[in-house]
C-alpha atoms as a PDB file:
ATOM      1  CA  MET A   1      23.276 -14.336  -7.288  1.00  0.00           C
ATOM      2  CA  SER A   2      24.418 -17.978  -7.393  1.00  0.00           C
ATOM      3  CA  TRP A   3      24.324 -18.202  -3.574  1.00  0.00           C
ATOM      4  CA  THR A   4      20.785 -16.764  -3.520  1.00  0.00           C
ATOM      5  CA  ILE A   5      19.594 -19.288  -6.103  1.00  0.00           C
ATOM      6  CA  ARG A   6      21.123 -22.204  -4.166  1.00  0.00           C
ATOM      7  CA  CYS A   7      19.422 -21.000  -0.963  1.00  0.00           C
ATOM      8  CA  ALA A   8      16.007 -21.609  -2.578  1.00  0.00           C
ATOM      9  CA  ASP A   9      16.558 -25.385  -2.403  1.00  0.00           C
ATOM     10  CA  ILE A  10      14.211 -27.241  -0.025  1.00  0.00           C
ATOM     11  CA  LYS A  11      17.254 -28.711   1.749  1.00  0.00           C
ATOM     12  CA  HIS A  12      18.073 -25.208   3.082  1.00  0.00           C
ATOM     13  CA  GLN A  13      14.578 -24.490   4.403  1.00  0.00           C
ATOM     14  CA  GLN A  14      15.398 -25.393   8.007  1.00  0.00           C
ATOM     15  CA  ALA A  15      18.769 -23.581   8.090  1.00  0.00           C
ATOM     16  CA  ASN A  16      17.253 -20.115   7.713  1.00  0.00           C
ATOM     17  CA  LYS A  17      13.553 -19.841   6.857  1.00  0.00           C
ATOM     18  CA  LYS A  18      13.674 -16.118   5.972  1.00  0.00           C
ATOM     19  CA  VAL A  19      16.613 -16.523   3.588  1.00  0.00           C
ATOM     20  CA  ASN A  20      14.992 -19.589   1.996  1.00  0.00           C
ATOM     21  CA  ASP A  21      11.657 -17.776   1.537  1.00  0.00           C
ATOM     22  CA  SER A  22      13.330 -14.737  -0.040  1.00  0.00           C
ATOM     23  CA  ALA A  23      15.469 -16.913  -2.319  1.00  0.00           C
ATOM     24  CA  ARG A  24      12.391 -18.888  -3.377  1.00  0.00           C
ATOM     25  CA  ARG A  25      10.552 -15.691  -4.336  1.00  0.00           C
ATOM     26  CA  ILE A  26      13.538 -14.404  -6.333  1.00  0.00           C
ATOM     27  CA  LEU A  27      14.017 -17.737  -8.133  1.00  0.00           C
ATOM     28  CA  ALA A  28      10.302 -17.978  -8.916  1.00  0.00           C
ATOM     29  CA  LYS A  29      10.452 -14.539 -10.565  1.00  0.00           C
ATOM     30  CA  LEU A  30      13.578 -15.468 -12.530  1.00  0.00           C
ATOM     31  CA  LEU A  31      11.726 -18.540 -13.829  1.00  0.00           C
ATOM     32  CA  GLN A  32       8.712 -16.322 -14.628  1.00  0.00           C
ATOM     33  CA  PHE A  33       6.342 -17.898 -12.117  1.00  0.00           C
ATOM     34  CA  GLU A  34       3.836 -15.442 -10.686  1.00  0.00           C
ATOM     35  CA  HIS A  35       4.727 -16.387  -7.088  1.00  0.00           C
ATOM     36  CA  ALA A  36       6.590 -19.076  -5.159  1.00  0.00           C
ATOM     37  CA  ASP A  37       3.601 -20.427  -3.215  1.00  0.00           C
ATOM     38  CA  GLY A  38       3.203 -24.145  -3.886  1.00  0.00           C
ATOM     39  CA  LEU A  39       6.554 -24.468  -5.681  1.00  0.00           C
ATOM     40  CA  LEU A  40       9.109 -26.991  -4.434  1.00  0.00           C
ATOM     41  CA  PHE A  41      12.656 -26.182  -5.593  1.00  0.00           C
ATOM     42  CA  SER A  42      15.119 -29.060  -5.328  1.00  0.00           C
ATOM     43  CA  ASN A  43      18.346 -30.474  -6.809  1.00  0.00           C
ATOM     44  CA  ILE A  44      19.590 -26.971  -7.588  1.00  0.00           C
ATOM     45  CA  GLN A  45      22.969 -26.948  -9.324  1.00  0.00           C
ATOM     46  CA  VAL A  46      24.688 -23.690 -10.247  1.00  0.00           C
ATOM     47  CA  TRP A  47      27.748 -23.164 -12.418  1.00  0.00           C
ATOM     48  CA  LYS A  48      29.467 -19.799 -12.773  1.00  0.00           C
ATOM     49  CA  GLN A  49      31.384 -18.842 -15.924  1.00  0.00           C
ATOM     50  CA  HIS A  50      30.586 -22.223 -17.505  1.00  0.00           C
ATOM     51  CA  LYS A  51      30.982 -22.495 -21.299  1.00  0.00           C
ATOM     52  CA  ASN A  52      31.057 -18.663 -21.603  1.00  0.00           C
ATOM     53  CA  ILE A  53      27.735 -18.383 -19.723  1.00  0.00           C
ATOM     54  CA  ASP A  54      27.773 -16.190 -16.613  1.00  0.00           C
ATOM     55  CA  ILE A  55      25.382 -18.328 -14.525  1.00  0.00           C
ATOM     56  CA  TRP A  56      23.950 -21.689 -15.587  1.00  0.00           C
ATOM     57  CA  VAL A  57      21.316 -23.250 -13.297  1.00  0.00           C
ATOM     58  CA  GLU A  58      19.680 -26.671 -13.468  1.00  0.00           C
ATOM     59  CA  LEU A  59      16.986 -27.567 -10.957  1.00  0.00           C
ATOM     60  CA  MET A  60      13.745 -29.370 -10.285  1.00  0.00           C
ATOM     61  CA  VAL A  61      10.515 -27.445  -9.670  1.00  0.00           C
ATOM     62  CA  ASN A  62       7.709 -29.679  -8.397  1.00  0.00           C
ATOM     63  CA  ASN A  63       9.612 -32.685  -9.814  1.00  0.00           C
ATOM     64  CA  GLN A  64       9.883 -31.114 -13.272  1.00  0.00           C
ATOM     65  CA  GLN A  65      13.307 -30.272 -14.698  1.00  0.00           C
ATOM     66  CA  TYR A  66      14.186 -26.641 -15.486  1.00  0.00           C
ATOM     67  CA  ALA A  67      17.251 -24.747 -16.665  1.00  0.00           C
ATOM     68  CA  LEU A  68      18.013 -21.078 -16.228  1.00  0.00           C
ATOM     69  CA  ILE A  69      20.741 -19.236 -18.122  1.00  0.00           C
ATOM     70  CA  ILE A  70      21.787 -15.778 -16.909  1.00  0.00           C
ATOM     71  CA  GLU A  71      24.028 -13.668 -19.111  1.00  0.00           C
ATOM     72  CA  LYS A  72      24.868 -10.103 -18.152  1.00  0.00           C
END
């Protein structure tokens, strides 16, 4: 899951367009956006098992700061 989230970053768009597009759609859903069209994901940082949280994500979406906490 952490790899998928990191792949949504704009800096990975040229490496593999299909993977980036899929990751962007998944991340948009996790952040409760209706779809990824028009969203620019950048500065994605992911920590695993940080402070007893399974996955902690900090990122920018269209130059606005977001955090995502995933606990299983």
